[in-house]
Each structure stands twice: as structure tokens, then as C-alpha cells.
Amino acid sequence: MRARCLIVDDEAPARADLRYLLSRFDHVQVVGEASNSEEALLLLDSLDYDLVLMDIRMPGGTGLDVARKLREADSPPRIIFTTAFPDYAVEAFDLDAADYLVKPFDADRLARALDRALATRPEEAEVQAVPRRSDGTESPHRIPVHKGDRTVLLNESSIIYAGAARGYSYLQLSDERVLVNFSLNELERRLHGSQFFRAHRSYLVNLDYVRELAPDFRGTLMLLMDDPRKSRVEVSRRQARELRRVLGM
């Protein structure tokens, strides 16, 4: 069954370019186009879509506004943002974006985004978040990392913290930093129930490596990590109180 796709962009040439690129993929069918956020929400309310490819800066409301509205839906479509501006990537992935494409992009990059978006829907990711053995007990959390033609399975205990990167995330280890094909939200789901804490929309921190909490000049907290790099991880104002509760302070 072909995935039903909605294109949202205020520029007609951009919509035409995207429609042309998508015509190369037999498993995707463009069934709607919108030129602004209001029109997009009307179309999304009238038909079930599997996928939305959406610009961010548009008259009358941004693509991020549309994504926030869609989070209230029972079964929202997957969103791939397509924009000329890289600045919104962190906020986009916090809204469960499947991918974030910075214009111009080619068919190969679009193909990878489609694979990510259509391979796993959010509810499926929740089910996969905590792998279990055949006897029903929870398996250790391990994160696959691609290194050349190999895939290394990292134990969660080796991760000092994870940070959001454009389109992906990185894991800070004691002696290196590696990229992984998961958004920070996906990593948070996979590591749910372990010693990891979402300190900031851009950071997921392993509490076992926290050496010290220091007040920040902006009234928030800074975590000083017990690693060779003496890493510092910012805690958002909203998460500072929850962190103190988790640590029993």
C-alpha cells in the first residue's frame, strides 16, 4: 500500500520540485498540497495522511506550529521538514520529526528520509523501545553504532551523554564522540527506565557520570561530568526541579 503524502510549502516551485522528486518513489503517493499552515491543517483534518513533507517558515504560521497541533492527534502522520534554514532542527526533532532536510537536497537524501519516516511509526518505536528476551525479561539497553562496514553495539553504561545533532544524535563516550541514526527522542525511548535523564531538549545525560551540579549565571544548572574531557552539560530551567527530585535533593 502506497503512503499517502501531503506537501506543505508556500512556494509553488518548491512544491513542484518536491512532487517531481517524490514521483521517483513508487511507495509514496502525493495526494495533497498546501501553501500555508492553515490550509495544511484543514487538509490534515479531512483525510488521513501517512506522511507530511513540510516547510517551516510560511505566512500565517510555521510548520512547527502544524507539528504541535498534530501531536494532539491519535495517529498523526510522520513529518519530514524541508527547509532552507538549519536553525530549527532541535525543535523539530523535539516534535518527533522523522527527519529534517535542508534545501537543496537530492533524491538519495530524500530516500533516506522516507525510509526513516515510513519504517517506524512512533507507536511502533514505543513498542521497540525496550527490547525483551524470549522469556519476557528486559534485555540490556544497547545502541547500534555504524563504524565503516561494521555495527558496534554500545552498552548504555559507556555513554556519558547524548546530544542532538542535525538530523541525528551523537553519543559522547570517554574517548570519542560517535554519531547514531536516532533522534534524541528515539534514544530517550530506547533508554527509558535506565539511568538516563533528559536534562535539556538537546541533551540526554547518564546520571552515573554526574560529578557535580553547578548553578549557571542564567539561573539554571550546569552538570559537571566525571569523564576525561570534564564535559559540562546544560540543564534547562524546566528540568532543573525534576532533576533535583530524581537525585533526592
C-alpha atoms as a PDB file:
ATOM      1  CA  MET A   1       0.000   0.000   0.000  1.00  0.00           C
ATOM      2  CA  ARG A   2       1.385   3.405  -1.011  1.00  0.00           C
ATOM      3  CA  ALA A   3       1.971   6.000   1.672  1.00  0.00           C
ATOM      4  CA  ARG A   4      -0.321   8.993   1.287  1.00  0.00           C
ATOM      5  CA  CYS A   5       1.689  12.172   1.344  1.00  0.00           C
ATOM      6  CA  LEU A   6       0.888  15.846   1.845  1.00  0.00           C
ATOM      7  CA  ILE A   7       3.299  18.563   0.656  1.00  0.00           C
ATOM      8  CA  VAL A   8       3.221  21.855   2.562  1.00  0.00           C
ATOM      9  CA  ASP A   9       5.245  24.779   1.209  1.00  0.00           C
ATOM     10  CA  ASP A  10       4.321  28.374   0.459  1.00  0.00           C
ATOM     11  CA  GLU A  11       6.425  28.436  -2.734  1.00  0.00           C
ATOM     12  CA  ALA A  12       4.861  26.760  -5.757  1.00  0.00           C
ATOM     13  CA  PRO A  13       8.220  25.957  -7.446  1.00  0.00           C
ATOM     14  CA  ALA A  14       9.371  24.224  -4.247  1.00  0.00           C
ATOM     15  CA  ARG A  15       6.194  22.130  -4.173  1.00  0.00           C
ATOM     16  CA  ALA A  16       6.703  21.227  -7.844  1.00  0.00           C
ATOM     17  CA  ASP A  17      10.327  20.209  -7.240  1.00  0.00           C
ATOM     18  CA  LEU A  18       9.338  18.027  -4.315  1.00  0.00           C
ATOM     19  CA  ARG A  19       6.467  16.458  -6.231  1.00  0.00           C
ATOM     20  CA  TYR A  20       8.904  15.619  -9.026  1.00  0.00           C
ATOM     21  CA  LEU A  21      11.392  14.020  -6.637  1.00  0.00           C
ATOM     22  CA  LEU A  22       8.643  12.021  -4.942  1.00  0.00           C
ATOM     23  CA  SER A  23       7.427  10.705  -8.311  1.00  0.00           C
ATOM     24  CA  ARG A  24      10.550   8.520  -8.322  1.00  0.00           C
ATOM     25  CA  PHE A  25       9.306   6.560  -5.316  1.00  0.00           C
ATOM     26  CA  ASP A  26       6.599   4.033  -6.113  1.00  0.00           C
ATOM     27  CA  HIS A  27       5.694   3.533  -2.478  1.00  0.00           C
ATOM     28  CA  VAL A  28       4.728   7.193  -1.972  1.00  0.00           C
ATOM     29  CA  GLN A  29       1.683   8.924  -3.447  1.00  0.00           C
ATOM     30  CA  VAL A  30       1.220  12.690  -3.242  1.00  0.00           C
ATOM     31  CA  VAL A  31      -2.468  13.225  -2.568  1.00  0.00           C
ATOM     32  CA  GLY A  32      -2.475  16.822  -1.360  1.00  0.00           C
ATOM     33  CA  GLU A  33      -0.646  20.134  -1.395  1.00  0.00           C
ATOM     34  CA  ALA A  34      -0.980  23.136   0.881  1.00  0.00           C
ATOM     35  CA  SER A  35       0.600  26.575   0.635  1.00  0.00           C
ATOM     36  CA  ASN A  36       0.290  27.604   4.289  1.00  0.00           C
ATOM     37  CA  SER A  37      -0.250  26.170   7.755  1.00  0.00           C
ATOM     38  CA  GLU A  38      -3.981  26.883   7.881  1.00  0.00           C
ATOM     39  CA  GLU A  39      -4.594  25.083   4.608  1.00  0.00           C
ATOM     40  CA  ALA A  40      -2.421  22.220   5.792  1.00  0.00           C
ATOM     41  CA  LEU A  41      -4.429  21.756   8.981  1.00  0.00           C
ATOM     42  CA  LEU A  42      -7.681  21.764   7.001  1.00  0.00           C
ATOM     43  CA  LEU A  43      -6.393  19.047   4.681  1.00  0.00           C
ATOM     44  CA  LEU A  44      -4.983  17.022   7.562  1.00  0.00           C
ATOM     45  CA  ASP A  45      -8.342  17.218   9.286  1.00  0.00           C
ATOM     46  CA  SER A  46     -10.201  15.954   6.223  1.00  0.00           C
ATOM     47  CA  LEU A  47      -8.052  12.987   5.215  1.00  0.00           C
ATOM     48  CA  ASP A  48      -5.701  10.506   6.853  1.00  0.00           C
ATOM     49  CA  TYR A  49      -2.136  11.021   5.667  1.00  0.00           C
ATOM     50  CA  ASP A  50       0.828   8.776   6.341  1.00  0.00           C
ATOM     51  CA  LEU A  51       3.445  11.391   5.662  1.00  0.00           C
ATOM     52  CA  VAL A  52       3.812  15.190   5.578  1.00  0.00           C
ATOM     53  CA  LEU A  53       6.729  16.946   3.908  1.00  0.00           C
ATOM     54  CA  MET A  54       6.605  20.460   5.242  1.00  0.00           C
ATOM     55  CA  ASP A  55       8.436  23.758   5.089  1.00  0.00           C
ATOM     56  CA  ILE A  56       8.952  25.672   8.325  1.00  0.00           C
ATOM     57  CA  ARG A  57       8.759  29.370   7.551  1.00  0.00           C
ATOM     58  CA  MET A  58       5.394  30.133   5.961  1.00  0.00           C
ATOM     59  CA  PRO A  59       2.923  33.026   6.107  1.00  0.00           C
ATOM     60  CA  GLY A  60       0.313  32.773   8.863  1.00  0.00           C
ATOM     61  CA  GLY A  61       2.080  30.119  10.925  1.00  0.00           C
ATOM     62  CA  THR A  62       5.103  27.859  10.819  1.00  0.00           C
ATOM     63  CA  GLY A  63       5.462  24.196  10.071  1.00  0.00           C
ATOM     64  CA  LEU A  64       6.430  23.745  13.702  1.00  0.00           C
ATOM     65  CA  ASP A  65       3.014  25.108  14.693  1.00  0.00           C
ATOM     66  CA  VAL A  66       1.376  22.472  12.487  1.00  0.00           C
ATOM     67  CA  ALA A  67       3.549  19.761  14.042  1.00  0.00           C
ATOM     68  CA  ARG A  68       2.469  20.821  17.550  1.00  0.00           C
ATOM     69  CA  LYS A  69      -1.184  20.558  16.519  1.00  0.00           C
ATOM     70  CA  LEU A  70      -0.602  17.129  15.015  1.00  0.00           C
ATOM     71  CA  ARG A  71       0.836  15.830  18.289  1.00  0.00           C
ATOM     72  CA  GLU A  72      -2.692  16.082  19.704  1.00  0.00           C
ATOM     73  CA  ALA A  73      -3.966  13.588  17.106  1.00  0.00           C
ATOM     74  CA  ASP A  74      -4.427   9.909  17.962  1.00  0.00           C
ATOM     75  CA  SER A  75      -2.427   8.696  14.985  1.00  0.00           C
ATOM     76  CA  PRO A  76      -0.505  11.607  13.479  1.00  0.00           C
ATOM     77  CA  PRO A  77       1.343  11.256  10.185  1.00  0.00           C
ATOM     78  CA  ARG A  78       5.126  11.211  10.145  1.00  0.00           C
ATOM     79  CA  ILE A  79       6.677  14.589   9.391  1.00  0.00           C
ATOM     80  CA  ILE A  80       9.753  15.363   7.337  1.00  0.00           C
ATOM     81  CA  PHE A  81      10.682  19.025   7.496  1.00  0.00           C
ATOM     82  CA  THR A  82      12.061  20.535   4.289  1.00  0.00           C
ATOM     83  CA  THR A  83      13.552  23.966   4.823  1.00  0.00           C
ATOM     84  CA  ALA A  84      16.349  26.301   3.836  1.00  0.00           C
ATOM     85  CA  PHE A  85      17.080  27.019   7.493  1.00  0.00           C
ATOM     86  CA  PRO A  86      19.053  24.579   9.684  1.00  0.00           C
ATOM     87  CA  ASP A  87      18.328  26.545  12.867  1.00  0.00           C
ATOM     88  CA  TYR A  88      15.115  24.753  13.796  1.00  0.00           C
ATOM     89  CA  ALA A  89      16.411  21.178  13.773  1.00  0.00           C
ATOM     90  CA  VAL A  90      16.482  20.690  17.539  1.00  0.00           C
ATOM     91  CA  GLU A  91      12.946  21.987  17.993  1.00  0.00           C
ATOM     92  CA  ALA A  92      11.771  19.907  15.035  1.00  0.00           C
ATOM     93  CA  PHE A  93      13.116  16.657  16.474  1.00  0.00           C
ATOM     94  CA  ASP A  94      11.618  17.523  19.841  1.00  0.00           C
ATOM     95  CA  LEU A  95       8.317  17.470  17.988  1.00  0.00           C
ATOM     96  CA  ASP A  96       9.051  13.910  16.843  1.00  0.00           C
ATOM     97  CA  ALA A  97      10.032  14.828  13.308  1.00  0.00           C
ATOM     98  CA  ALA A  98      11.099  11.783  11.311  1.00  0.00           C
ATOM     99  CA  ASP A  99      13.800  13.783   9.561  1.00  0.00           C
ATOM    100  CA  TYR A 100      14.976  17.288   8.744  1.00  0.00           C
ATOM    101  CA  LEU A 101      16.080  18.100   5.210  1.00  0.00           C
ATOM    102  CA  VAL A 102      17.933  21.320   4.469  1.00  0.00           C
ATOM    103  CA  LYS A 103      17.363  22.617   0.923  1.00  0.00           C
ATOM    104  CA  PRO A 104      18.711  21.883  -1.560  1.00  0.00           C
ATOM    105  CA  PHE A 105      18.692  18.104  -1.160  1.00  0.00           C
ATOM    106  CA  ASP A 106      18.773  15.303  -3.702  1.00  0.00           C
ATOM    107  CA  ALA A 107      16.794  12.119  -4.288  1.00  0.00           C
ATOM    108  CA  ASP A 108      19.258   9.988  -2.302  1.00  0.00           C
ATOM    109  CA  ARG A 109      18.895  12.137   0.793  1.00  0.00           C
ATOM    110  CA  LEU A 110      15.121  12.154   0.353  1.00  0.00           C
ATOM    111  CA  ALA A 111      15.129   8.363   0.039  1.00  0.00           C
ATOM    112  CA  ARG A 112      16.868   8.023   3.404  1.00  0.00           C
ATOM    113  CA  ALA A 113      14.363  10.357   4.985  1.00  0.00           C
ATOM    114  CA  LEU A 114      11.442   8.380   3.545  1.00  0.00           C
ATOM    115  CA  ASP A 115      12.960   5.140   4.837  1.00  0.00           C
ATOM    116  CA  ARG A 116      13.245   6.593   8.322  1.00  0.00           C
ATOM    117  CA  ALA A 117       9.766   8.045   8.276  1.00  0.00           C
ATOM    118  CA  LEU A 118       7.927   5.016   6.925  1.00  0.00           C
ATOM    119  CA  ALA A 119       9.928   2.219   8.532  1.00  0.00           C
ATOM    120  CA  THR A 120       8.859   3.006  12.076  1.00  0.00           C
ATOM    121  CA  ARG A 121       5.874   4.958  13.275  1.00  0.00           C
ATOM    122  CA  PRO A 122       6.006   6.485  16.779  1.00  0.00           C
ATOM    123  CA  GLU A 123       3.767   3.879  18.394  1.00  0.00           C
ATOM    124  CA  GLU A 124       5.920   1.129  16.907  1.00  0.00           C
ATOM    125  CA  ALA A 125       9.013   2.833  18.268  1.00  0.00           C
ATOM    126  CA  GLU A 126       7.448   2.761  21.720  1.00  0.00           C
ATOM    127  CA  VAL A 127       6.986  -0.983  21.441  1.00  0.00           C
ATOM    128  CA  GLN A 128      10.566  -1.427  20.276  1.00  0.00           C
ATOM    129  CA  ALA A 129      11.966   0.915  22.877  1.00  0.00           C
ATOM    130  CA  VAL A 130      12.583  -1.774  25.473  1.00  0.00           C
ATOM    131  CA  PRO A 131      13.843  -4.943  23.784  1.00  0.00           C
ATOM    132  CA  ARG A 132      12.926  -8.127  25.599  1.00  0.00           C
ATOM    133  CA  ARG A 133      14.343 -11.637  25.660  1.00  0.00           C
ATOM    134  CA  SER A 134      12.240 -14.635  24.690  1.00  0.00           C
ATOM    135  CA  ASP A 135      11.463 -15.272  28.368  1.00  0.00           C
ATOM    136  CA  GLY A 136       9.927 -11.782  28.668  1.00  0.00           C
ATOM    137  CA  THR A 137      12.695 -10.248  30.772  1.00  0.00           C
ATOM    138  CA  GLU A 138      14.128  -6.933  29.684  1.00  0.00           C
ATOM    139  CA  SER A 139      17.283  -7.021  27.585  1.00  0.00           C
ATOM    140  CA  PRO A 140      20.165  -4.674  28.396  1.00  0.00           C
ATOM    141  CA  HIS A 141      19.935  -1.346  26.579  1.00  0.00           C
ATOM    142  CA  ARG A 142      22.421  -1.353  23.731  1.00  0.00           C
ATOM    143  CA  ILE A 143      22.783   1.189  20.960  1.00  0.00           C
ATOM    144  CA  PRO A 144      23.931   0.155  17.458  1.00  0.00           C
ATOM    145  CA  VAL A 145      26.677   2.391  16.059  1.00  0.00           C
ATOM    146  CA  HIS A 146      27.878   2.060  12.476  1.00  0.00           C
ATOM    147  CA  LYS A 147      31.650   2.185  12.011  1.00  0.00           C
ATOM    148  CA  GLY A 148      32.603   1.667   8.397  1.00  0.00           C
ATOM    149  CA  ASP A 149      31.143  -1.695   7.365  1.00  0.00           C
ATOM    150  CA  ARG A 150      30.742  -2.821  10.986  1.00  0.00           C
ATOM    151  CA  THR A 151      27.950  -2.284  13.509  1.00  0.00           C
ATOM    152  CA  VAL A 152      29.125  -1.975  17.097  1.00  0.00           C
ATOM    153  CA  LEU A 153      26.637  -2.463  19.945  1.00  0.00           C
ATOM    154  CA  LEU A 154      27.387   0.045  22.685  1.00  0.00           C
ATOM    155  CA  ASN A 155      26.437  -0.691  26.259  1.00  0.00           C
ATOM    156  CA  GLU A 156      24.473   2.133  27.816  1.00  0.00           C
ATOM    157  CA  SER A 157      26.995   2.325  30.645  1.00  0.00           C
ATOM    158  CA  SER A 158      29.649   3.582  28.195  1.00  0.00           C
ATOM    159  CA  ILE A 159      27.569   6.615  27.188  1.00  0.00           C
ATOM    160  CA  ILE A 160      28.344   9.754  29.179  1.00  0.00           C
ATOM    161  CA  TYR A 161      25.689  11.839  27.494  1.00  0.00           C
ATOM    162  CA  ALA A 162      23.871  12.150  24.184  1.00  0.00           C
ATOM    163  CA  GLY A 163      23.348  15.344  22.248  1.00  0.00           C
ATOM    164  CA  ALA A 164      21.070  16.376  19.412  1.00  0.00           C
ATOM    165  CA  ALA A 165      22.748  16.899  16.060  1.00  0.00           C
ATOM    166  CA  ARG A 166      21.250  17.948  12.763  1.00  0.00           C
ATOM    167  CA  GLY A 167      19.196  15.003  11.639  1.00  0.00           C
ATOM    168  CA  TYR A 168      20.880  12.595  14.043  1.00  0.00           C
ATOM    169  CA  SER A 169      22.314  12.406  17.557  1.00  0.00           C
ATOM    170  CA  TYR A 170      25.800  11.965  18.892  1.00  0.00           C
ATOM    171  CA  LEU A 171      26.989   9.914  21.833  1.00  0.00           C
ATOM    172  CA  GLN A 172      29.808  11.258  23.962  1.00  0.00           C
ATOM    173  CA  LEU A 173      31.961   8.377  25.178  1.00  0.00           C
ATOM    174  CA  SER A 174      35.046   8.637  27.351  1.00  0.00           C
ATOM    175  CA  ASP A 175      37.454   8.734  24.398  1.00  0.00           C
ATOM    176  CA  GLU A 176      35.386   9.604  21.344  1.00  0.00           C
ATOM    177  CA  ARG A 177      32.171  11.032  20.017  1.00  0.00           C
ATOM    178  CA  VAL A 178      30.067   8.905  17.628  1.00  0.00           C
ATOM    179  CA  LEU A 179      27.001   9.642  15.501  1.00  0.00           C
ATOM    180  CA  VAL A 180      23.915   7.430  15.599  1.00  0.00           C
ATOM    181  CA  ASN A 181      20.843   7.216  13.370  1.00  0.00           C
ATOM    182  CA  PHE A 182      18.409   8.053  16.139  1.00  0.00           C
ATOM    183  CA  SER A 183      16.851  11.315  17.155  1.00  0.00           C
ATOM    184  CA  LEU A 184      17.284  12.285  20.791  1.00  0.00           C
ATOM    185  CA  ASN A 185      13.635  11.399  21.409  1.00  0.00           C
ATOM    186  CA  GLU A 186      14.208   7.936  19.970  1.00  0.00           C
ATOM    187  CA  LEU A 187      17.271   7.467  22.168  1.00  0.00           C
ATOM    188  CA  GLU A 188      15.278   8.568  25.197  1.00  0.00           C
ATOM    189  CA  ARG A 189      12.649   5.923  24.428  1.00  0.00           C
ATOM    190  CA  ARG A 190      15.261   3.217  23.931  1.00  0.00           C
ATOM    191  CA  LEU A 191      16.987   4.095  27.211  1.00  0.00           C
ATOM    192  CA  HIS A 192      13.762   4.542  29.157  1.00  0.00           C
ATOM    193  CA  GLY A 193      13.930   3.021  32.605  1.00  0.00           C
ATOM    194  CA  SER A 194      17.710   3.279  32.835  1.00  0.00           C
ATOM    195  CA  GLN A 195      19.924   5.873  34.479  1.00  0.00           C
ATOM    196  CA  PHE A 196      19.458   8.432  31.718  1.00  0.00           C
ATOM    197  CA  PHE A 197      17.757  11.772  32.299  1.00  0.00           C
ATOM    198  CA  ARG A 198      16.557  14.325  29.740  1.00  0.00           C
ATOM    199  CA  ALA A 199      18.366  17.364  31.114  1.00  0.00           C
ATOM    200  CA  HIS A 200      17.630  19.634  28.167  1.00  0.00           C
ATOM    201  CA  ARG A 201      15.877  19.386  24.824  1.00  0.00           C
ATOM    202  CA  SER A 202      19.351  18.950  23.332  1.00  0.00           C
ATOM    203  CA  TYR A 203      20.852  16.616  25.937  1.00  0.00           C
ATOM    204  CA  LEU A 204      20.215  13.217  27.473  1.00  0.00           C
ATOM    205  CA  VAL A 205      22.611  12.589  30.339  1.00  0.00           C
ATOM    206  CA  ASN A 206      23.830   9.459  32.126  1.00  0.00           C
ATOM    207  CA  LEU A 207      23.334  10.281  35.818  1.00  0.00           C
ATOM    208  CA  ASP A 208      26.043   7.805  36.813  1.00  0.00           C
ATOM    209  CA  TYR A 209      28.615  10.210  35.338  1.00  0.00           C
ATOM    210  CA  VAL A 210      27.356  13.366  37.028  1.00  0.00           C
ATOM    211  CA  ARG A 211      30.066  14.571  39.400  1.00  0.00           C
ATOM    212  CA  GLU A 212      28.751  17.964  40.386  1.00  0.00           C
ATOM    213  CA  LEU A 213      25.832  20.342  39.913  1.00  0.00           C
ATOM    214  CA  ALA A 214      26.795  23.971  39.484  1.00  0.00           C
ATOM    215  CA  PRO A 215      24.457  26.977  39.256  1.00  0.00           C
ATOM    216  CA  ASP A 216      24.513  28.740  35.926  1.00  0.00           C
ATOM    217  CA  PHE A 217      24.596  32.528  35.657  1.00  0.00           C
ATOM    218  CA  ARG A 218      21.208  32.354  33.912  1.00  0.00           C
ATOM    219  CA  GLY A 219      19.631  30.750  36.944  1.00  0.00           C
ATOM    220  CA  THR A 220      19.727  27.199  35.574  1.00  0.00           C
ATOM    221  CA  LEU A 221      22.095  24.328  36.333  1.00  0.00           C
ATOM    222  CA  MET A 222      25.245  23.010  34.712  1.00  0.00           C
ATOM    223  CA  LEU A 223      26.227  19.368  35.159  1.00  0.00           C
ATOM    224  CA  LEU A 224      29.943  18.688  35.514  1.00  0.00           C
ATOM    225  CA  MET A 225      30.615  15.192  34.258  1.00  0.00           C
ATOM    226  CA  ASP A 226      33.104  12.675  35.606  1.00  0.00           C
ATOM    227  CA  ASP A 227      34.866  11.918  32.326  1.00  0.00           C
ATOM    228  CA  PRO A 228      38.340  12.648  30.888  1.00  0.00           C
ATOM    229  CA  ARG A 229      37.020  15.620  28.919  1.00  0.00           C
ATOM    230  CA  LYS A 230      35.443  17.114  32.053  1.00  0.00           C
ATOM    231  CA  SER A 231      32.309  17.673  29.999  1.00  0.00           C
ATOM    232  CA  ARG A 232      29.696  20.218  31.006  1.00  0.00           C
ATOM    233  CA  VAL A 233      26.032  19.616  30.205  1.00  0.00           C
ATOM    234  CA  GLU A 234      23.349  22.273  30.464  1.00  0.00           C
ATOM    235  CA  VAL A 235      20.103  21.615  32.346  1.00  0.00           C
ATOM    236  CA  SER A 236      17.051  23.540  31.214  1.00  0.00           C
ATOM    237  CA  ARG A 237      15.210  25.659  33.732  1.00  0.00           C
ATOM    238  CA  ARG A 238      12.151  23.418  33.342  1.00  0.00           C
ATOM    239  CA  GLN A 239      14.097  20.224  34.049  1.00  0.00           C
ATOM    240  CA  ALA A 240      16.185  21.549  36.956  1.00  0.00           C
ATOM    241  CA  ARG A 241      13.477  20.911  39.556  1.00  0.00           C
ATOM    242  CA  GLU A 242      12.780  17.398  38.215  1.00  0.00           C
ATOM    243  CA  LEU A 243      16.490  16.602  38.299  1.00  0.00           C
ATOM    244  CA  ARG A 244      16.741  17.620  41.942  1.00  0.00           C
ATOM    245  CA  ARG A 245      13.766  15.380  42.702  1.00  0.00           C
ATOM    246  CA  VAL A 246      15.304  12.422  40.873  1.00  0.00           C
ATOM    247  CA  LEU A 247      18.574  12.893  42.772  1.00  0.00           C
ATOM    248  CA  GLY A 248      16.761  13.231  46.111  1.00  0.00           C
ATOM    249  CA  MET A 249      17.936  16.793  46.722  1.00  0.00           C
END
